[in-house]
């Protein structure tokens, strides 16, 4: 009666229940194995280009420019800059001394410089550094009626609509006239806002003395004004010993309160192995390491670095494609088991 009642109710037998459990366990183990294979491949592709040289390269450069104090003022370095005066002290001190290495520790001249600088004797400076600022126009914000008798000027936050495009100061050269960007490089996404390309730009000289005079001239003629909202300092390095490029950007941001915020970009995402990007490397070598000395050296542009970004995007797409393939295989294996 019990067996008849059990069959009448349509309940599964113990043998079928045991078989289903075996199938579920086998399927789960197969899916787990496939997932582990996918995870291993993902880790290899993601961390395959990462090594310890990237970390130490980044640490050396950041220590040289960020932690070096202004001569005669041990409390002032890049990280502690909070005023325009501190910024010019950094420009004429740690930045100037850090960019131009033309002699050994015993004051003997460096060999085979090829009209370039060797930072820490091993890292060649590609081209010349570039300094760029973005400004906002006056009257981009409204002064409260109670204070209009005391203050007539008002400089708002940076936006593309508020950007100042007019000439100022001496009004000669790209230092004092606005330059529009002719590249499709991405904008800079900072902590305070998003900053577009172009602005008031000047490139440093290959001579230390000329660069120092340039800084003095800009400081005395008030290149930084109340409308200045961000200043970028960009340069690129190459170390042949570890075959690595380093693209560095210092960023000084003003929010209109008189306080300057400092940021530094030279993360592991910006320090890449040169070997996987052979074409990009050969292009740079042809440009900067030709036997003929050129007088029109330029820093590695954002457009060239944008190609590096596109390479990373291509790798990400490959990973997504592999993930889709593995998911299809897993679904087929599950269907075969059923």
C-alpha atoms as a PDB file:
ATOM      1  CA  UNK A   1       0.000   0.000   0.000  1.00  0.00           C
ATOM      2  CA  UNK A   2       2.827   2.364   0.807  1.00  0.00           C
ATOM      3  CA  UNK A   3       4.644   1.724  -2.494  1.00  0.00           C
ATOM      4  CA  UNK A   4       1.417   1.968  -4.488  1.00  0.00           C
ATOM      5  CA  UNK A   5       0.530   5.213  -2.766  1.00  0.00           C
ATOM      6  CA  UNK A   6       4.020   6.546  -3.463  1.00  0.00           C
ATOM      7  CA  UNK A   7       3.794   5.729  -7.198  1.00  0.00           C
ATOM      8  CA  UNK A   8       0.297   7.180  -7.361  1.00  0.00           C
ATOM      9  CA  UNK A   9       1.511  10.491  -5.994  1.00  0.00           C
ATOM     10  CA  UNK A  10       4.209  10.611  -8.673  1.00  0.00           C
ATOM     11  CA  UNK A  11       7.102  11.118  -6.247  1.00  0.00           C
ATOM     12  CA  UNK A  12      10.667  10.395  -7.515  1.00  0.00           C
ATOM     13  CA  UNK A  13      12.413   7.231  -6.414  1.00  0.00           C
ATOM     14  CA  UNK A  14      15.513   7.196  -4.251  1.00  0.00           C
ATOM     15  CA  UNK A  15      17.628   6.099  -7.221  1.00  0.00           C
ATOM     16  CA  UNK A  16      16.547   9.112  -9.295  1.00  0.00           C
ATOM     17  CA  UNK A  17      17.185  11.493  -6.397  1.00  0.00           C
ATOM     18  CA  UNK A  18      20.673  10.086  -5.936  1.00  0.00           C
ATOM     19  CA  UNK A  19      21.370  10.369  -9.676  1.00  0.00           C
ATOM     20  CA  UNK A  20      20.216  14.000  -9.743  1.00  0.00           C
ATOM     21  CA  UNK A  21      22.490  14.874  -6.842  1.00  0.00           C
ATOM     22  CA  UNK A  22      25.466  13.316  -8.648  1.00  0.00           C
ATOM     23  CA  UNK A  23      24.669  15.302 -11.795  1.00  0.00           C
ATOM     24  CA  UNK A  24      24.390  18.556  -9.814  1.00  0.00           C
ATOM     25  CA  UNK A  25      27.703  17.939  -8.053  1.00  0.00           C
ATOM     26  CA  UNK A  26      29.453  17.038 -11.318  1.00  0.00           C
ATOM     27  CA  UNK A  27      28.021  20.110 -13.063  1.00  0.00           C
ATOM     28  CA  UNK A  28      29.019  22.369 -10.174  1.00  0.00           C
ATOM     29  CA  UNK A  29      32.578  21.050 -10.212  1.00  0.00           C
ATOM     30  CA  UNK A  30      32.839  21.540 -13.982  1.00  0.00           C
ATOM     31  CA  UNK A  31      31.583  25.133 -13.711  1.00  0.00           C
ATOM     32  CA  UNK A  32      34.001  25.768 -10.854  1.00  0.00           C
ATOM     33  CA  UNK A  33      36.894  24.420 -12.918  1.00  0.00           C
ATOM     34  CA  UNK A  34      35.969  26.599 -15.891  1.00  0.00           C
ATOM     35  CA  UNK A  35      35.661  29.624 -13.630  1.00  0.00           C
ATOM     36  CA  UNK A  36      39.116  28.946 -12.170  1.00  0.00           C
ATOM     37  CA  UNK A  37      40.584  28.735 -15.675  1.00  0.00           C
ATOM     38  CA  UNK A  38      38.920  32.027 -16.559  1.00  0.00           C
ATOM     39  CA  UNK A  39      40.184  33.635 -13.335  1.00  0.00           C
ATOM     40  CA  UNK A  40      43.756  32.480 -13.982  1.00  0.00           C
ATOM     41  CA  UNK A  41      43.695  33.836 -17.543  1.00  0.00           C
ATOM     42  CA  UNK A  42      42.251  37.105 -16.307  1.00  0.00           C
ATOM     43  CA  UNK A  43      44.986  37.489 -13.690  1.00  0.00           C
ATOM     44  CA  UNK A  44      47.715  36.694 -16.231  1.00  0.00           C
ATOM     45  CA  UNK A  45      46.410  39.261 -18.717  1.00  0.00           C
ATOM     46  CA  UNK A  46      45.768  41.889 -16.045  1.00  0.00           C
ATOM     47  CA  UNK A  47      48.988  41.615 -14.029  1.00  0.00           C
ATOM     48  CA  UNK A  48      51.284  40.323 -16.753  1.00  0.00           C
ATOM     49  CA  UNK A  49      52.705  43.778 -17.466  1.00  0.00           C
ATOM     50  CA  UNK A  50      53.154  44.744 -13.824  1.00  0.00           C
ATOM     51  CA  UNK A  51      56.514  44.394 -12.129  1.00  0.00           C
ATOM     52  CA  UNK A  52      58.459  45.894  -9.259  1.00  0.00           C
ATOM     53  CA  UNK A  53      60.342  48.262 -11.543  1.00  0.00           C
ATOM     54  CA  UNK A  54      57.154  50.246 -12.089  1.00  0.00           C
ATOM     55  CA  UNK A  55      56.709  50.833  -8.376  1.00  0.00           C
ATOM     56  CA  UNK A  56      60.296  51.891  -7.719  1.00  0.00           C
ATOM     57  CA  UNK A  57      60.433  54.053 -10.831  1.00  0.00           C
ATOM     58  CA  UNK A  58      57.318  55.855  -9.661  1.00  0.00           C
ATOM     59  CA  UNK A  59      58.666  56.146  -6.112  1.00  0.00           C
ATOM     60  CA  UNK A  60      61.993  57.646  -7.207  1.00  0.00           C
ATOM     61  CA  UNK A  61      60.387  60.317  -9.379  1.00  0.00           C
ATOM     62  CA  UNK A  62      57.734  61.224  -6.819  1.00  0.00           C
ATOM     63  CA  UNK A  63      60.328  61.453  -4.053  1.00  0.00           C
ATOM     64  CA  UNK A  64      62.528  63.749  -6.144  1.00  0.00           C
ATOM     65  CA  UNK A  65      59.828  66.273  -7.008  1.00  0.00           C
ATOM     66  CA  UNK A  66      57.247  65.910  -4.238  1.00  0.00           C
ATOM     67  CA  UNK A  67      59.334  65.463  -1.105  1.00  0.00           C
ATOM     68  CA  UNK A  68      62.285  67.738  -1.887  1.00  0.00           C
ATOM     69  CA  UNK A  69      61.996  70.942   0.140  1.00  0.00           C
ATOM     70  CA  UNK A  70      62.674  74.468  -1.032  1.00  0.00           C
ATOM     71  CA  UNK A  71      66.251  75.538  -0.155  1.00  0.00           C
ATOM     72  CA  UNK A  72      66.198  77.475   3.105  1.00  0.00           C
ATOM     73  CA  UNK A  73      62.632  76.402   3.915  1.00  0.00           C
ATOM     74  CA  UNK A  74      62.352  72.750   4.903  1.00  0.00           C
ATOM     75  CA  UNK A  75      58.603  72.999   5.477  1.00  0.00           C
ATOM     76  CA  UNK A  76      57.782  73.942   1.877  1.00  0.00           C
ATOM     77  CA  UNK A  77      57.620  71.274  -0.831  1.00  0.00           C
ATOM     78  CA  UNK A  78      55.152  70.409  -3.567  1.00  0.00           C
ATOM     79  CA  UNK A  79      52.693  68.741  -1.204  1.00  0.00           C
ATOM     80  CA  UNK A  80      52.611  71.708   1.165  1.00  0.00           C
ATOM     81  CA  UNK A  81      52.057  74.418  -1.464  1.00  0.00           C
ATOM     82  CA  UNK A  82      49.066  76.551  -0.502  1.00  0.00           C
ATOM     83  CA  UNK A  83      49.813  79.966  -2.031  1.00  0.00           C
ATOM     84  CA  UNK A  84      51.158  81.546  -5.205  1.00  0.00           C
ATOM     85  CA  UNK A  85      54.382  82.469  -3.407  1.00  0.00           C
ATOM     86  CA  UNK A  86      54.967  78.828  -2.436  1.00  0.00           C
ATOM     87  CA  UNK A  87      54.274  77.756  -6.014  1.00  0.00           C
ATOM     88  CA  UNK A  88      56.973  80.016  -7.466  1.00  0.00           C
ATOM     89  CA  UNK A  89      59.394  78.822  -4.786  1.00  0.00           C
ATOM     90  CA  UNK A  90      58.764  75.258  -5.929  1.00  0.00           C
ATOM     91  CA  UNK A  91      59.173  76.183  -9.612  1.00  0.00           C
ATOM     92  CA  UNK A  92      62.486  77.982  -9.060  1.00  0.00           C
ATOM     93  CA  UNK A  93      63.739  75.411  -6.544  1.00  0.00           C
ATOM     94  CA  UNK A  94      62.919  71.659  -6.503  1.00  0.00           C
ATOM     95  CA  UNK A  95      61.401  71.578 -10.012  1.00  0.00           C
ATOM     96  CA  UNK A  96      64.283  73.443 -11.634  1.00  0.00           C
ATOM     97  CA  UNK A  97      66.939  71.421  -9.814  1.00  0.00           C
ATOM     98  CA  UNK A  98      65.127  68.146 -10.432  1.00  0.00           C
ATOM     99  CA  UNK A  99      64.717  68.596 -14.183  1.00  0.00           C
ATOM    100  CA  UNK A 100      68.261  69.648 -15.082  1.00  0.00           C
ATOM    101  CA  UNK A 101      71.060  67.194 -14.307  1.00  0.00           C
ATOM    102  CA  UNK A 102      74.123  68.190 -16.316  1.00  0.00           C
ATOM    103  CA  UNK A 103      76.959  67.117 -14.012  1.00  0.00           C
ATOM    104  CA  UNK A 104      77.993  64.262 -11.727  1.00  0.00           C
ATOM    105  CA  UNK A 105      78.125  64.491  -7.941  1.00  0.00           C
ATOM    106  CA  UNK A 106      81.802  65.534  -8.279  1.00  0.00           C
ATOM    107  CA  UNK A 107      80.827  68.368 -10.682  1.00  0.00           C
ATOM    108  CA  UNK A 108      82.242  66.582 -13.741  1.00  0.00           C
ATOM    109  CA  UNK A 109      80.177  66.998 -16.906  1.00  0.00           C
ATOM    110  CA  UNK A 110      77.888  64.124 -17.876  1.00  0.00           C
ATOM    111  CA  UNK A 111      78.889  62.183 -20.972  1.00  0.00           C
ATOM    112  CA  UNK A 112      76.824  61.715 -24.134  1.00  0.00           C
ATOM    113  CA  UNK A 113      73.982  64.028 -23.113  1.00  0.00           C
ATOM    114  CA  UNK A 114      72.849  64.643 -26.709  1.00  0.00           C
ATOM    115  CA  UNK A 115      71.377  67.989 -25.724  1.00  0.00           C
ATOM    116  CA  UNK A 116      69.105  66.466 -23.079  1.00  0.00           C
ATOM    117  CA  UNK A 117      68.888  65.979 -19.319  1.00  0.00           C
ATOM    118  CA  UNK A 118      69.512  62.765 -17.363  1.00  0.00           C
ATOM    119  CA  UNK A 119      67.437  62.835 -14.187  1.00  0.00           C
ATOM    120  CA  UNK A 120      69.164  60.773 -11.488  1.00  0.00           C
ATOM    121  CA  UNK A 121      71.783  60.053 -14.199  1.00  0.00           C
ATOM    122  CA  UNK A 122      69.622  57.225 -15.634  1.00  0.00           C
ATOM    123  CA  UNK A 123      66.286  58.715 -16.775  1.00  0.00           C
ATOM    124  CA  UNK A 124      66.396  60.718 -19.983  1.00  0.00           C
ATOM    125  CA  UNK A 125      64.046  63.679 -20.278  1.00  0.00           C
ATOM    126  CA  UNK A 126      62.106  63.363 -23.540  1.00  0.00           C
ATOM    127  CA  UNK A 127      61.844  66.753 -25.168  1.00  0.00           C
ATOM    128  CA  UNK A 128      61.187  69.684 -22.852  1.00  0.00           C
ATOM    129  CA  UNK A 129      58.612  70.105 -20.047  1.00  0.00           C
ATOM    130  CA  UNK A 130      55.492  72.162 -20.644  1.00  0.00           C
ATOM    131  CA  UNK A 131      53.594  74.445 -18.262  1.00  0.00           C
ATOM    132  CA  UNK A 132      49.956  75.299 -18.982  1.00  0.00           C
ATOM    133  CA  UNK A 133      47.295  77.264 -17.138  1.00  0.00           C
ATOM    134  CA  UNK A 134      43.544  77.739 -17.560  1.00  0.00           C
ATOM    135  CA  UNK A 135      41.779  80.897 -16.421  1.00  0.00           C
ATOM    136  CA  UNK A 136      38.235  82.158 -15.940  1.00  0.00           C
ATOM    137  CA  UNK A 137      36.849  85.557 -16.913  1.00  0.00           C
ATOM    138  CA  UNK A 138      35.909  88.331 -14.552  1.00  0.00           C
ATOM    139  CA  UNK A 139      32.213  88.677 -13.652  1.00  0.00           C
ATOM    140  CA  UNK A 140      31.591  84.932 -14.027  1.00  0.00           C
ATOM    141  CA  UNK A 141      29.885  85.088 -10.644  1.00  0.00           C
ATOM    142  CA  UNK A 142      27.747  87.703  -8.911  1.00  0.00           C
ATOM    143  CA  UNK A 143      28.831  89.796  -5.933  1.00  0.00           C
ATOM    144  CA  UNK A 144      26.172  90.151  -3.270  1.00  0.00           C
ATOM    145  CA  UNK A 145      24.526  93.561  -3.311  1.00  0.00           C
ATOM    146  CA  UNK A 146      25.679  94.303   0.247  1.00  0.00           C
ATOM    147  CA  UNK A 147      29.348  94.027  -0.808  1.00  0.00           C
ATOM    148  CA  UNK A 148      29.310  95.547  -4.298  1.00  0.00           C
ATOM    149  CA  UNK A 149      30.681  98.810  -2.907  1.00  0.00           C
ATOM    150  CA  UNK A 150      33.730  96.933  -1.552  1.00  0.00           C
ATOM    151  CA  UNK A 151      34.349  94.474  -4.393  1.00  0.00           C
ATOM    152  CA  UNK A 152      33.565  94.779  -8.073  1.00  0.00           C
ATOM    153  CA  UNK A 153      35.441  91.744  -9.442  1.00  0.00           C
ATOM    154  CA  UNK A 154      34.239  88.169  -9.164  1.00  0.00           C
ATOM    155  CA  UNK A 155      35.898  85.045 -10.624  1.00  0.00           C
ATOM    156  CA  UNK A 156      33.728  81.931 -10.566  1.00  0.00           C
ATOM    157  CA  UNK A 157      34.591  78.263 -10.813  1.00  0.00           C
ATOM    158  CA  UNK A 158      36.115  76.811 -13.964  1.00  0.00           C
ATOM    159  CA  UNK A 159      33.798  75.663 -16.744  1.00  0.00           C
ATOM    160  CA  UNK A 160      34.198  75.722 -20.497  1.00  0.00           C
ATOM    161  CA  UNK A 161      31.698  78.598 -20.618  1.00  0.00           C
ATOM    162  CA  UNK A 162      33.587  80.636 -17.998  1.00  0.00           C
ATOM    163  CA  UNK A 163      37.043  80.097 -19.522  1.00  0.00           C
ATOM    164  CA  UNK A 164      39.015  83.234 -20.326  1.00  0.00           C
ATOM    165  CA  UNK A 165      40.233  83.281 -23.940  1.00  0.00           C
ATOM    166  CA  UNK A 166      41.567  86.828 -24.075  1.00  0.00           C
ATOM    167  CA  UNK A 167      45.210  87.904 -24.008  1.00  0.00           C
ATOM    168  CA  UNK A 168      46.647  89.358 -20.815  1.00  0.00           C
ATOM    169  CA  UNK A 169      49.865  90.724 -19.364  1.00  0.00           C
ATOM    170  CA  UNK A 170      52.527  91.338 -21.996  1.00  0.00           C
ATOM    171  CA  UNK A 171      50.196  89.895 -24.671  1.00  0.00           C
ATOM    172  CA  UNK A 172      53.014  88.352 -26.710  1.00  0.00           C
ATOM    173  CA  UNK A 173      53.780  84.700 -27.278  1.00  0.00           C
ATOM    174  CA  UNK A 174      51.843  81.658 -26.101  1.00  0.00           C
ATOM    175  CA  UNK A 175      52.722  82.546 -22.492  1.00  0.00           C
ATOM    176  CA  UNK A 176      50.260  85.445 -22.548  1.00  0.00           C
ATOM    177  CA  UNK A 177      47.918  84.542 -25.415  1.00  0.00           C
ATOM    178  CA  UNK A 178      45.359  81.749 -25.362  1.00  0.00           C
ATOM    179  CA  UNK A 179      46.118  78.674 -27.489  1.00  0.00           C
ATOM    180  CA  UNK A 180      43.490  76.174 -28.577  1.00  0.00           C
ATOM    181  CA  UNK A 181      44.333  72.489 -28.610  1.00  0.00           C
ATOM    182  CA  UNK A 182      44.657  70.821 -32.021  1.00  0.00           C
ATOM    183  CA  UNK A 183      44.548  67.275 -30.621  1.00  0.00           C
ATOM    184  CA  UNK A 184      41.749  64.926 -29.646  1.00  0.00           C
ATOM    185  CA  UNK A 185      43.347  64.051 -26.323  1.00  0.00           C
ATOM    186  CA  UNK A 186      41.004  63.492 -23.367  1.00  0.00           C
ATOM    187  CA  UNK A 187      40.298  66.259 -20.893  1.00  0.00           C
ATOM    188  CA  UNK A 188      41.792  66.205 -17.418  1.00  0.00           C
ATOM    189  CA  UNK A 189      39.378  64.969 -14.763  1.00  0.00           C
ATOM    190  CA  UNK A 190      40.512  66.464 -11.454  1.00  0.00           C
ATOM    191  CA  UNK A 191      39.247  66.505  -7.874  1.00  0.00           C
ATOM    192  CA  UNK A 192      37.590  69.893  -8.316  1.00  0.00           C
ATOM    193  CA  UNK A 193      36.437  69.838 -11.946  1.00  0.00           C
ATOM    194  CA  UNK A 194      37.025  68.759 -15.529  1.00  0.00           C
ATOM    195  CA  UNK A 195      39.583  70.802 -17.479  1.00  0.00           C
ATOM    196  CA  UNK A 196      39.836  70.931 -21.249  1.00  0.00           C
ATOM    197  CA  UNK A 197      42.942  71.236 -23.404  1.00  0.00           C
ATOM    198  CA  UNK A 198      44.607  74.423 -24.563  1.00  0.00           C
ATOM    199  CA  UNK A 199      45.158  77.503 -22.426  1.00  0.00           C
ATOM    200  CA  UNK A 200      48.175  79.715 -21.818  1.00  0.00           C
ATOM    201  CA  UNK A 201      51.219  77.552 -22.526  1.00  0.00           C
ATOM    202  CA  UNK A 202      54.975  77.910 -22.318  1.00  0.00           C
ATOM    203  CA  UNK A 203      57.660  75.272 -22.780  1.00  0.00           C
ATOM    204  CA  UNK A 204      60.831  75.215 -20.740  1.00  0.00           C
ATOM    205  CA  UNK A 205      64.228  75.588 -22.337  1.00  0.00           C
ATOM    206  CA  UNK A 206      66.897  72.899 -22.599  1.00  0.00           C
ATOM    207  CA  UNK A 207      69.148  75.317 -20.693  1.00  0.00           C
ATOM    208  CA  UNK A 208      68.803  75.579 -16.930  1.00  0.00           C
ATOM    209  CA  UNK A 209      69.779  79.244 -16.833  1.00  0.00           C
ATOM    210  CA  UNK A 210      67.278  80.185 -19.545  1.00  0.00           C
ATOM    211  CA  UNK A 211      64.502  78.358 -17.732  1.00  0.00           C
ATOM    212  CA  UNK A 212      65.348  80.108 -14.470  1.00  0.00           C
ATOM    213  CA  UNK A 213      65.209  83.494 -16.199  1.00  0.00           C
ATOM    214  CA  UNK A 214      61.882  82.497 -17.736  1.00  0.00           C
ATOM    215  CA  UNK A 215      60.414  81.678 -14.326  1.00  0.00           C
ATOM    216  CA  UNK A 216      61.641  85.006 -12.932  1.00  0.00           C
ATOM    217  CA  UNK A 217      60.148  86.924 -15.848  1.00  0.00           C
ATOM    218  CA  UNK A 218      56.765  85.235 -15.492  1.00  0.00           C
ATOM    219  CA  UNK A 219      56.710  85.777 -11.739  1.00  0.00           C
ATOM    220  CA  UNK A 220      57.597  89.477 -11.973  1.00  0.00           C
ATOM    221  CA  UNK A 221      54.951  90.042 -14.667  1.00  0.00           C
ATOM    222  CA  UNK A 222      52.215  88.238 -12.677  1.00  0.00           C
ATOM    223  CA  UNK A 223      51.603  85.291 -14.990  1.00  0.00           C
ATOM    224  CA  UNK A 224      49.409  83.754 -12.279  1.00  0.00           C
ATOM    225  CA  UNK A 225      46.366  85.955 -11.652  1.00  0.00           C
ATOM    226  CA  UNK A 226      43.140  85.881  -9.651  1.00  0.00           C
ATOM    227  CA  UNK A 227      41.454  84.208 -12.602  1.00  0.00           C
ATOM    228  CA  UNK A 228      43.891  81.271 -12.680  1.00  0.00           C
ATOM    229  CA  UNK A 229      42.092  78.057 -11.821  1.00  0.00           C
ATOM    230  CA  UNK A 230      44.551  75.288 -12.719  1.00  0.00           C
ATOM    231  CA  UNK A 231      48.218  74.932 -13.706  1.00  0.00           C
ATOM    232  CA  UNK A 232      49.640  71.785 -15.337  1.00  0.00           C
ATOM    233  CA  UNK A 233      53.309  70.813 -15.513  1.00  0.00           C
ATOM    234  CA  UNK A 234      53.891  67.924 -17.950  1.00  0.00           C
ATOM    235  CA  UNK A 235      57.026  66.036 -18.927  1.00  0.00           C
ATOM    236  CA  UNK A 236      58.050  62.523 -19.945  1.00  0.00           C
ATOM    237  CA  UNK A 237      60.970  60.270 -19.017  1.00  0.00           C
ATOM    238  CA  UNK A 238      62.478  57.065 -20.376  1.00  0.00           C
ATOM    239  CA  UNK A 239      64.700  54.625 -18.506  1.00  0.00           C
ATOM    240  CA  UNK A 240      66.591  52.249 -20.799  1.00  0.00           C
ATOM    241  CA  UNK A 241      67.779  50.011 -17.945  1.00  0.00           C
ATOM    242  CA  UNK A 242      64.264  48.808 -17.125  1.00  0.00           C
ATOM    243  CA  UNK A 243      62.715  49.732 -20.513  1.00  0.00           C
ATOM    244  CA  UNK A 244      59.991  51.918 -19.018  1.00  0.00           C
ATOM    245  CA  UNK A 245      58.393  55.225 -19.888  1.00  0.00           C
ATOM    246  CA  UNK A 246      57.144  57.575 -17.188  1.00  0.00           C
ATOM    247  CA  UNK A 247      54.660  60.325 -17.995  1.00  0.00           C
ATOM    248  CA  UNK A 248      54.401  62.851 -15.174  1.00  0.00           C
ATOM    249  CA  UNK A 249      51.835  65.577 -14.545  1.00  0.00           C
ATOM    250  CA  UNK A 250      51.825  68.053 -11.666  1.00  0.00           C
ATOM    251  CA  UNK A 251      48.533  69.842 -11.152  1.00  0.00           C
ATOM    252  CA  UNK A 252      47.860  72.942  -9.042  1.00  0.00           C
ATOM    253  CA  UNK A 253      44.212  73.852  -8.599  1.00  0.00           C
ATOM    254  CA  UNK A 254      42.705  77.065  -7.235  1.00  0.00           C
ATOM    255  CA  UNK A 255      39.082  77.087  -6.091  1.00  0.00           C
ATOM    256  CA  UNK A 256      38.816  80.865  -5.795  1.00  0.00           C
ATOM    257  CA  UNK A 257      39.389  80.899  -2.038  1.00  0.00           C
ATOM    258  CA  UNK A 258      43.079  81.796  -2.329  1.00  0.00           C
ATOM    259  CA  UNK A 259      44.107  78.255  -1.340  1.00  0.00           C
ATOM    260  CA  UNK A 260      45.979  76.131  -3.892  1.00  0.00           C
ATOM    261  CA  UNK A 261      45.481  72.364  -4.019  1.00  0.00           C
ATOM    262  CA  UNK A 262      48.270  70.094  -5.271  1.00  0.00           C
ATOM    263  CA  UNK A 263      47.867  66.806  -7.135  1.00  0.00           C
ATOM    264  CA  UNK A 264      50.418  64.545  -8.788  1.00  0.00           C
ATOM    265  CA  UNK A 265      49.729  61.968 -11.492  1.00  0.00           C
ATOM    266  CA  UNK A 266      52.288  59.268 -12.131  1.00  0.00           C
ATOM    267  CA  UNK A 267      50.464  56.112 -11.163  1.00  0.00           C
ATOM    268  CA  UNK A 268      51.132  52.587 -12.358  1.00  0.00           C
ATOM    269  CA  UNK A 269      48.508  53.095 -15.024  1.00  0.00           C
ATOM    270  CA  UNK A 270      50.670  55.827 -16.499  1.00  0.00           C
ATOM    271  CA  UNK A 271      53.912  53.895 -16.302  1.00  0.00           C
ATOM    272  CA  UNK A 272      53.748  51.157 -18.892  1.00  0.00           C
ATOM    273  CA  UNK A 273      56.049  48.516 -20.262  1.00  0.00           C
ATOM    274  CA  UNK A 274      57.516  49.694 -23.560  1.00  0.00           C
ATOM    275  CA  UNK A 275      57.887  46.212 -25.055  1.00  0.00           C
ATOM    276  CA  UNK A 276      54.153  45.450 -25.651  1.00  0.00           C
ATOM    277  CA  UNK A 277      53.864  48.785 -27.465  1.00  0.00           C
ATOM    278  CA  UNK A 278      56.639  48.273 -29.974  1.00  0.00           C
ATOM    279  CA  UNK A 279      55.273  50.596 -32.633  1.00  0.00           C
ATOM    280  CA  UNK A 280      54.714  53.394 -30.131  1.00  0.00           C
ATOM    281  CA  UNK A 281      58.215  52.932 -28.763  1.00  0.00           C
ATOM    282  CA  UNK A 282      59.830  52.917 -32.223  1.00  0.00           C
ATOM    283  CA  UNK A 283      58.038  56.130 -33.089  1.00  0.00           C
ATOM    284  CA  UNK A 284      59.388  57.854 -29.994  1.00  0.00           C
ATOM    285  CA  UNK A 285      62.896  56.499 -30.549  1.00  0.00           C
ATOM    286  CA  UNK A 286      62.872  57.752 -34.121  1.00  0.00           C
ATOM    287  CA  UNK A 287      61.738  61.139 -32.914  1.00  0.00           C
ATOM    288  CA  UNK A 288      63.999  61.626 -29.903  1.00  0.00           C
ATOM    289  CA  UNK A 289      67.028  59.379 -30.522  1.00  0.00           C
ATOM    290  CA  UNK A 290      67.951  60.220 -34.084  1.00  0.00           C
ATOM    291  CA  UNK A 291      71.631  60.866 -34.737  1.00  0.00           C
ATOM    292  CA  UNK A 292      70.849  64.409 -35.853  1.00  0.00           C
ATOM    293  CA  UNK A 293      70.361  66.901 -33.036  1.00  0.00           C
ATOM    294  CA  UNK A 294      67.135  68.824 -33.409  1.00  0.00           C
ATOM    295  CA  UNK A 295      66.306  72.257 -32.039  1.00  0.00           C
ATOM    296  CA  UNK A 296      62.541  71.783 -32.006  1.00  0.00           C
ATOM    297  CA  UNK A 297      62.221  69.167 -29.270  1.00  0.00           C
ATOM    298  CA  UNK A 298      58.698  68.835 -27.937  1.00  0.00           C
ATOM    299  CA  UNK A 299      57.385  66.834 -24.984  1.00  0.00           C
ATOM    300  CA  UNK A 300      55.383  63.673 -25.517  1.00  0.00           C
ATOM    301  CA  UNK A 301      51.953  65.023 -26.369  1.00  0.00           C
ATOM    302  CA  UNK A 302      48.669  63.957 -24.861  1.00  0.00           C
ATOM    303  CA  UNK A 303      47.699  62.581 -28.271  1.00  0.00           C
ATOM    304  CA  UNK A 304      50.610  60.150 -28.149  1.00  0.00           C
ATOM    305  CA  UNK A 305      49.689  59.143 -24.638  1.00  0.00           C
ATOM    306  CA  UNK A 306      46.104  58.741 -25.850  1.00  0.00           C
ATOM    307  CA  UNK A 307      47.361  55.925 -28.098  1.00  0.00           C
ATOM    308  CA  UNK A 308      48.626  54.216 -24.976  1.00  0.00           C
ATOM    309  CA  UNK A 309      45.164  54.596 -23.466  1.00  0.00           C
ATOM    310  CA  UNK A 310      43.602  53.034 -26.571  1.00  0.00           C
ATOM    311  CA  UNK A 311      45.960  50.079 -26.184  1.00  0.00           C
ATOM    312  CA  UNK A 312      44.640  49.505 -22.650  1.00  0.00           C
ATOM    313  CA  UNK A 313      41.069  49.734 -23.951  1.00  0.00           C
ATOM    314  CA  UNK A 314      41.883  47.113 -26.596  1.00  0.00           C
ATOM    315  CA  UNK A 315      43.181  44.769 -23.896  1.00  0.00           C
ATOM    316  CA  UNK A 316      39.985  45.311 -21.928  1.00  0.00           C
ATOM    317  CA  UNK A 317      37.919  44.361 -24.983  1.00  0.00           C
ATOM    318  CA  UNK A 318      39.956  41.177 -25.421  1.00  0.00           C
ATOM    319  CA  UNK A 319      39.233  40.251 -21.805  1.00  0.00           C
ATOM    320  CA  UNK A 320      35.530  40.846 -22.370  1.00  0.00           C
ATOM    321  CA  UNK A 321      35.617  38.648 -25.483  1.00  0.00           C
ATOM    322  CA  UNK A 322      37.331  35.839 -23.553  1.00  0.00           C
ATOM    323  CA  UNK A 323      34.733  36.134 -20.805  1.00  0.00           C
ATOM    324  CA  UNK A 324      31.881  35.751 -23.313  1.00  0.00           C
ATOM    325  CA  UNK A 325      33.541  32.697 -24.876  1.00  0.00           C
ATOM    326  CA  UNK A 326      33.938  31.024 -21.488  1.00  0.00           C
ATOM    327  CA  UNK A 327      30.321  31.731 -20.582  1.00  0.00           C
ATOM    328  CA  UNK A 328      29.193  30.055 -23.822  1.00  0.00           C
ATOM    329  CA  UNK A 329      31.329  27.010 -23.100  1.00  0.00           C
ATOM    330  CA  UNK A 330      29.900  26.770 -19.593  1.00  0.00           C
ATOM    331  CA  UNK A 331      26.333  26.960 -20.902  1.00  0.00           C
ATOM    332  CA  UNK A 332      27.047  24.239 -23.499  1.00  0.00           C
ATOM    333  CA  UNK A 333      28.563  21.967 -20.849  1.00  0.00           C
ATOM    334  CA  UNK A 334      25.527  22.477 -18.610  1.00  0.00           C
ATOM    335  CA  UNK A 335      23.201  21.684 -21.504  1.00  0.00           C
ATOM    336  CA  UNK A 336      25.047  18.465 -22.316  1.00  0.00           C
ATOM    337  CA  UNK A 337      24.697  17.268 -18.739  1.00  0.00           C
ATOM    338  CA  UNK A 338      20.940  17.728 -18.880  1.00  0.00           C
END
